[in-house]
């Protein structure tokens, strides 16, 4: 059986931290920004962590273990 390839989309969207958590970026920062206030746009710049219920799924997409 051949090796499974890493999913390119997951590789671009997620990063792993040193503690093993998976970091993601927030959505909603690309367009239709005129109706969003400054505080909301600034908060969208900060990264977020993937929920614990989804970590196993995303790790299989990235690492293919």
PDB file of N, CA and C in Angstrom:
ATOM      1  N   UNK A   1       0.841  -1.186   0.000  1.00  0.00           N
ATOM      2  CA  UNK A   1       0.000   0.000   0.000  1.00  0.00           C
ATOM      3  C   UNK A   1       0.888   1.253   0.000  1.00  0.00           C
ATOM      4  N   UNK A   2       0.611   2.232  -0.846  1.00  0.00           N
ATOM      5  CA  UNK A   2       1.466   3.431  -0.889  1.00  0.00           C
ATOM      6  C   UNK A   2       1.248   4.327   0.317  1.00  0.00           C
ATOM      7  N   UNK A   3       2.206   5.200   0.536  1.00  0.00           N
ATOM      8  CA  UNK A   3       2.101   6.158   1.633  1.00  0.00           C
ATOM      9  C   UNK A   3       0.973   7.141   1.357  1.00  0.00           C
ATOM     10  N   UNK A   4       0.343   7.626   2.434  1.00  0.00           N
ATOM     11  CA  UNK A   4      -0.681   8.666   2.281  1.00  0.00           C
ATOM     12  C   UNK A   4       0.006  10.017   2.197  1.00  0.00           C
ATOM     13  N   UNK A   5      -0.469  10.854   1.309  1.00  0.00           N
ATOM     14  CA  UNK A   5       0.109  12.189   1.185  1.00  0.00           C
ATOM     15  C   UNK A   5      -0.525  13.125   2.196  1.00  0.00           C
ATOM     16  N   UNK A   6       0.241  14.125   2.630  1.00  0.00           N
ATOM     17  CA  UNK A   6      -0.283  15.182   3.482  1.00  0.00           C
ATOM     18  C   UNK A   6      -1.243  16.030   2.668  1.00  0.00           C
ATOM     19  N   UNK A   7      -2.377  16.402   3.261  1.00  0.00           N
ATOM     20  CA  UNK A   7      -3.340  17.246   2.570  1.00  0.00           C
ATOM     21  C   UNK A   7      -2.783  18.666   2.488  1.00  0.00           C
ATOM     22  N   UNK A   8      -2.638  19.183   1.279  1.00  0.00           N
ATOM     23  CA  UNK A   8      -2.017  20.497   1.077  1.00  0.00           C
ATOM     24  C   UNK A   8      -2.815  21.610   1.735  1.00  0.00           C
ATOM     25  N   UNK A   9      -4.141  21.511   1.695  1.00  0.00           N
ATOM     26  CA  UNK A   9      -4.976  22.552   2.294  1.00  0.00           C
ATOM     27  C   UNK A   9      -4.760  22.612   3.802  1.00  0.00           C
ATOM     28  N   UNK A  10      -4.678  21.464   4.445  1.00  0.00           N
ATOM     29  CA  UNK A  10      -4.458  21.423   5.900  1.00  0.00           C
ATOM     30  C   UNK A  10      -3.060  21.918   6.249  1.00  0.00           C
ATOM     31  N   UNK A  11      -2.092  21.584   5.403  1.00  0.00           N
ATOM     32  CA  UNK A  11      -0.709  21.999   5.629  1.00  0.00           C
ATOM     33  C   UNK A  11      -0.599  23.525   5.639  1.00  0.00           C
ATOM     34  N   UNK A  12      -1.388  24.185   4.772  1.00  0.00           N
ATOM     35  CA  UNK A  12      -1.325  25.636   4.673  1.00  0.00           C
ATOM     36  C   UNK A  12      -2.111  26.332   5.779  1.00  0.00           C
ATOM     37  N   UNK A  13      -3.130  25.687   6.322  1.00  0.00           N
ATOM     38  CA  UNK A  13      -4.035  26.351   7.266  1.00  0.00           C
ATOM     39  C   UNK A  13      -3.698  26.147   8.732  1.00  0.00           C
ATOM     40  N   UNK A  14      -2.955  25.096   9.063  1.00  0.00           N
ATOM     41  CA  UNK A  14      -2.721  24.754  10.464  1.00  0.00           C
ATOM     42  C   UNK A  14      -1.238  24.655  10.774  1.00  0.00           C
ATOM     43  N   UNK A  15      -0.879  25.028  12.011  1.00  0.00           N
ATOM     44  CA  UNK A  15       0.490  24.894  12.509  1.00  0.00           C
ATOM     45  C   UNK A  15       0.432  24.203  13.869  1.00  0.00           C
ATOM     46  N   UNK A  16       1.477  23.443  14.181  1.00  0.00           N
ATOM     47  CA  UNK A  16       1.530  22.786  15.483  1.00  0.00           C
ATOM     48  C   UNK A  16       2.426  23.579  16.413  1.00  0.00           C
ATOM     49  N   UNK A  17       2.014  23.683  17.673  1.00  0.00           N
ATOM     50  CA  UNK A  17       2.823  24.379  18.670  1.00  0.00           C
ATOM     51  C   UNK A  17       3.755  23.370  19.333  1.00  0.00           C
ATOM     52  N   UNK A  18       4.654  23.871  20.172  1.00  0.00           N
ATOM     53  CA  UNK A  18       5.606  22.992  20.849  1.00  0.00           C
ATOM     54  C   UNK A  18       4.909  22.058  21.831  1.00  0.00           C
ATOM     55  N   UNK A  19       3.790  22.515  22.395  1.00  0.00           N
ATOM     56  CA  UNK A  19       3.059  21.681  23.356  1.00  0.00           C
ATOM     57  C   UNK A  19       2.158  20.660  22.669  1.00  0.00           C
ATOM     58  N   UNK A  20       2.028  20.732  21.343  1.00  0.00           N
ATOM     59  CA  UNK A  20       1.236  19.755  20.615  1.00  0.00           C
ATOM     60  C   UNK A  20      -0.136  20.236  20.210  1.00  0.00           C
ATOM     61  N   UNK A  21      -0.503  21.449  20.604  1.00  0.00           N
ATOM     62  CA  UNK A  21      -1.791  21.993  20.190  1.00  0.00           C
ATOM     63  C   UNK A  21      -1.704  22.431  18.732  1.00  0.00           C
ATOM     64  N   UNK A  22      -2.857  22.575  18.099  1.00  0.00           N
ATOM     65  CA  UNK A  22      -2.886  22.988  16.696  1.00  0.00           C
ATOM     66  C   UNK A  22      -3.449  24.392  16.618  1.00  0.00           C
ATOM     67  N   UNK A  23      -2.694  25.270  15.974  1.00  0.00           N
ATOM     68  CA  UNK A  23      -3.079  26.666  15.853  1.00  0.00           C
ATOM     69  C   UNK A  23      -3.702  26.932  14.497  1.00  0.00           C
ATOM     70  N   UNK A  24      -4.687  27.807  14.453  1.00  0.00           N
ATOM     71  CA  UNK A  24      -5.360  28.150  13.211  1.00  0.00           C
ATOM     72  C   UNK A  24      -5.548  29.658  13.162  1.00  0.00           C
ATOM     73  N   UNK A  25      -5.845  30.185  11.972  1.00  0.00           N
ATOM     74  CA  UNK A  25      -6.143  31.605  11.858  1.00  0.00           C
ATOM     75  C   UNK A  25      -7.651  31.805  11.857  1.00  0.00           C
ATOM     76  N   UNK A  26      -8.093  32.991  12.196  1.00  0.00           N
ATOM     77  CA  UNK A  26      -9.521  33.291  12.236  1.00  0.00           C
ATOM     78  C   UNK A  26     -10.017  33.634  10.834  1.00  0.00           C
ATOM     79  N   UNK A  27     -11.257  33.316  10.583  1.00  0.00           N
ATOM     80  CA  UNK A  27     -11.847  33.632   9.288  1.00  0.00           C
ATOM     81  C   UNK A  27     -12.525  34.988   9.344  1.00  0.00           C
ATOM     82  N   UNK A  28     -12.866  35.530   8.194  1.00  0.00           N
ATOM     83  CA  UNK A  28     -13.616  36.783   8.145  1.00  0.00           C
ATOM     84  C   UNK A  28     -12.759  38.024   8.048  1.00  0.00           C
ATOM     85  N   UNK A  29     -11.512  37.891   7.584  1.00  0.00           N
ATOM     86  CA  UNK A  29     -10.609  39.039   7.537  1.00  0.00           C
ATOM     87  C   UNK A  29     -10.253  39.434   6.096  1.00  0.00           C
ATOM     88  N   UNK A  30     -10.889  38.817   5.097  1.00  0.00           N
ATOM     89  CA  UNK A  30     -10.475  39.052   3.719  1.00  0.00           C
ATOM     90  C   UNK A  30     -11.288  40.104   2.968  1.00  0.00           C
ATOM     91  N   UNK A  31     -12.586  40.093   3.133  1.00  0.00           N
ATOM     92  CA  UNK A  31     -13.395  41.056   2.383  1.00  0.00           C
ATOM     93  C   UNK A  31     -14.626  41.428   3.209  1.00  0.00           C
ATOM     94  N   UNK A  32     -15.378  42.405   2.729  1.00  0.00           N
ATOM     95  CA  UNK A  32     -16.526  43.013   3.438  1.00  0.00           C
ATOM     96  C   UNK A  32     -16.056  43.528   4.802  1.00  0.00           C
ATOM     97  N   UNK A  33     -15.018  44.352   4.779  1.00  0.00           N
ATOM     98  CA  UNK A  33     -14.430  44.853   6.020  1.00  0.00           C
ATOM     99  C   UNK A  33     -15.010  46.204   6.431  1.00  0.00           C
ATOM    100  N   UNK A  34     -15.787  46.849   5.565  1.00  0.00           N
ATOM    101  CA  UNK A  34     -16.276  48.189   5.877  1.00  0.00           C
ATOM    102  C   UNK A  34     -17.302  48.171   7.001  1.00  0.00           C
ATOM    103  N   UNK A  35     -18.078  47.125   7.093  1.00  0.00           N
ATOM    104  CA  UNK A  35     -19.111  47.072   8.133  1.00  0.00           C
ATOM    105  C   UNK A  35     -18.600  46.526   9.467  1.00  0.00           C
ATOM    106  N   UNK A  36     -17.364  46.048   9.490  1.00  0.00           N
ATOM    107  CA  UNK A  36     -16.788  45.521  10.724  1.00  0.00           C
ATOM    108  C   UNK A  36     -15.995  46.627  11.408  1.00  0.00           C
ATOM    109  N   UNK A  37     -16.195  46.781  12.713  1.00  0.00           N
ATOM    110  CA  UNK A  37     -15.479  47.846  13.417  1.00  0.00           C
ATOM    111  C   UNK A  37     -14.028  47.438  13.683  1.00  0.00           C
ATOM    112  N   UNK A  38     -13.222  48.410  14.076  1.00  0.00           N
ATOM    113  CA  UNK A  38     -11.783  48.221  14.221  1.00  0.00           C
ATOM    114  C   UNK A  38     -11.451  47.146  15.247  1.00  0.00           C
ATOM    115  N   UNK A  39     -12.180  47.137  16.349  1.00  0.00           N
ATOM    116  CA  UNK A  39     -11.921  46.156  17.406  1.00  0.00           C
ATOM    117  C   UNK A  39     -12.125  44.727  16.900  1.00  0.00           C
ATOM    118  N   UNK A  40     -13.188  44.535  16.129  1.00  0.00           N
ATOM    119  CA  UNK A  40     -13.481  43.212  15.593  1.00  0.00           C
ATOM    120  C   UNK A  40     -12.410  42.766  14.608  1.00  0.00           C
ATOM    121  N   UNK A  41     -11.958  43.668  13.741  1.00  0.00           N
ATOM    122  CA  UNK A  41     -10.922  43.329  12.760  1.00  0.00           C
ATOM    123  C   UNK A  41      -9.588  43.034  13.445  1.00  0.00           C
ATOM    124  N   UNK A  42      -9.252  43.795  14.480  1.00  0.00           N
ATOM    125  CA  UNK A  42      -8.014  43.546  15.208  1.00  0.00           C
ATOM    126  C   UNK A  42      -8.051  42.205  15.921  1.00  0.00           C
ATOM    127  N   UNK A  43      -9.198  41.853  16.480  1.00  0.00           N
ATOM    128  CA  UNK A  43      -9.316  40.568  17.159  1.00  0.00           C
ATOM    129  C   UNK A  43      -9.249  39.402  16.180  1.00  0.00           C
ATOM    130  N   UNK A  44      -9.661  39.622  14.939  1.00  0.00           N
ATOM    131  CA  UNK A  44      -9.573  38.568  13.936  1.00  0.00           C
ATOM    132  C   UNK A  44      -8.132  38.312  13.502  1.00  0.00           C
ATOM    133  N   UNK A  45      -7.236  39.272  13.728  1.00  0.00           N
ATOM    134  CA  UNK A  45      -5.828  39.086  13.367  1.00  0.00           C
ATOM    135  C   UNK A  45      -5.163  38.028  14.239  1.00  0.00           C
ATOM    136  N   UNK A  46      -5.595  37.928  15.485  1.00  0.00           N
ATOM    137  CA  UNK A  46      -4.975  36.988  16.416  1.00  0.00           C
ATOM    138  C   UNK A  46      -5.334  35.559  16.029  1.00  0.00           C
ATOM    139  N   UNK A  47      -4.419  34.648  16.294  1.00  0.00           N
ATOM    140  CA  UNK A  47      -4.677  33.247  16.001  1.00  0.00           C
ATOM    141  C   UNK A  47      -5.570  32.623  17.058  1.00  0.00           C
ATOM    142  N   UNK A  48      -6.038  31.421  16.783  1.00  0.00           N
ATOM    143  CA  UNK A  48      -6.861  30.679  17.726  1.00  0.00           C
ATOM    144  C   UNK A  48      -6.405  29.227  17.694  1.00  0.00           C
ATOM    145  N   UNK A  49      -6.866  28.462  18.667  1.00  0.00           N
ATOM    146  CA  UNK A  49      -6.521  27.050  18.721  1.00  0.00           C
ATOM    147  C   UNK A  49      -7.695  26.207  18.252  1.00  0.00           C
ATOM    148  N   UNK A  50      -7.379  25.094  17.633  1.00  0.00           N
ATOM    149  CA  UNK A  50      -8.402  24.159  17.177  1.00  0.00           C
ATOM    150  C   UNK A  50      -9.011  23.494  18.403  1.00  0.00           C
ATOM    151  N   UNK A  51     -10.322  23.247  18.356  1.00  0.00           N
ATOM    152  CA  UNK A  51     -11.010  22.604  19.465  1.00  0.00           C
ATOM    153  C   UNK A  51     -10.485  21.186  19.663  1.00  0.00           C
ATOM    154  N   UNK A  52     -10.527  20.724  20.909  1.00  0.00           N
ATOM    155  CA  UNK A  52     -10.007  19.394  21.232  1.00  0.00           C
ATOM    156  C   UNK A  52     -10.729  18.291  20.475  1.00  0.00           C
ATOM    157  N   UNK A  53     -12.012  18.498  20.167  1.00  0.00           N
ATOM    158  CA  UNK A  53     -12.776  17.472  19.461  1.00  0.00           C
ATOM    159  C   UNK A  53     -12.320  17.315  18.016  1.00  0.00           C
ATOM    160  N   UNK A  54     -11.691  18.334  17.441  1.00  0.00           N
ATOM    161  CA  UNK A  54     -11.248  18.287  16.052  1.00  0.00           C
ATOM    162  C   UNK A  54      -9.756  18.007  15.894  1.00  0.00           C
ATOM    163  N   UNK A  55      -9.014  18.001  17.009  1.00  0.00           N
ATOM    164  CA  UNK A  55      -7.559  17.848  16.925  1.00  0.00           C
ATOM    165  C   UNK A  55      -7.145  16.538  16.255  1.00  0.00           C
ATOM    166  N   UNK A  56      -7.792  15.444  16.610  1.00  0.00           N
ATOM    167  CA  UNK A  56      -7.414  14.139  16.057  1.00  0.00           C
ATOM    168  C   UNK A  56      -7.604  14.118  14.543  1.00  0.00           C
ATOM    169  N   UNK A  57      -8.703  14.686  14.073  1.00  0.00           N
ATOM    170  CA  UNK A  57      -8.990  14.717  12.643  1.00  0.00           C
ATOM    171  C   UNK A  57      -7.941  15.504  11.884  1.00  0.00           C
ATOM    172  N   UNK A  58      -7.588  16.662  12.408  1.00  0.00           N
ATOM    173  CA  UNK A  58      -6.632  17.531  11.716  1.00  0.00           C
ATOM    174  C   UNK A  58      -5.234  16.941  11.756  1.00  0.00           C
ATOM    175  N   UNK A  59      -4.883  16.281  12.867  1.00  0.00           N
ATOM    176  CA  UNK A  59      -3.574  15.648  12.933  1.00  0.00           C
ATOM    177  C   UNK A  59      -3.437  14.538  11.890  1.00  0.00           C
ATOM    178  N   UNK A  60      -4.530  13.824  11.605  1.00  0.00           N
ATOM    179  CA  UNK A  60      -4.456  12.793  10.569  1.00  0.00           C
ATOM    180  C   UNK A  60      -4.281  13.417   9.190  1.00  0.00           C
ATOM    181  N   UNK A  61      -4.865  14.601   8.979  1.00  0.00           N
ATOM    182  CA  UNK A  61      -4.695  15.274   7.695  1.00  0.00           C
ATOM    183  C   UNK A  61      -3.268  15.778   7.514  1.00  0.00           C
ATOM    184  N   UNK A  62      -2.651  16.220   8.611  1.00  0.00           N
ATOM    185  CA  UNK A  62      -1.302  16.786   8.528  1.00  0.00           C
ATOM    186  C   UNK A  62      -0.236  15.693   8.558  1.00  0.00           C
ATOM    187  N   UNK A  63      -0.353  14.771   9.503  1.00  0.00           N
ATOM    188  CA  UNK A  63       0.723  13.803   9.730  1.00  0.00           C
ATOM    189  C   UNK A  63       0.496  12.442   9.080  1.00  0.00           C
ATOM    190  N   UNK A  64      -0.752  12.063   8.855  1.00  0.00           N
ATOM    191  CA  UNK A  64      -1.089  10.766   8.245  1.00  0.00           C
ATOM    192  C   UNK A  64      -0.491   9.590   9.017  1.00  0.00           C
ATOM    193  N   UNK A  65      -0.785   9.540  10.317  1.00  0.00           N
ATOM    194  CA  UNK A  65      -0.297   8.410  11.139  1.00  0.00           C
ATOM    195  C   UNK A  65      -1.336   7.323  11.182  1.00  0.00           C
TER     196      UNK A  65
END
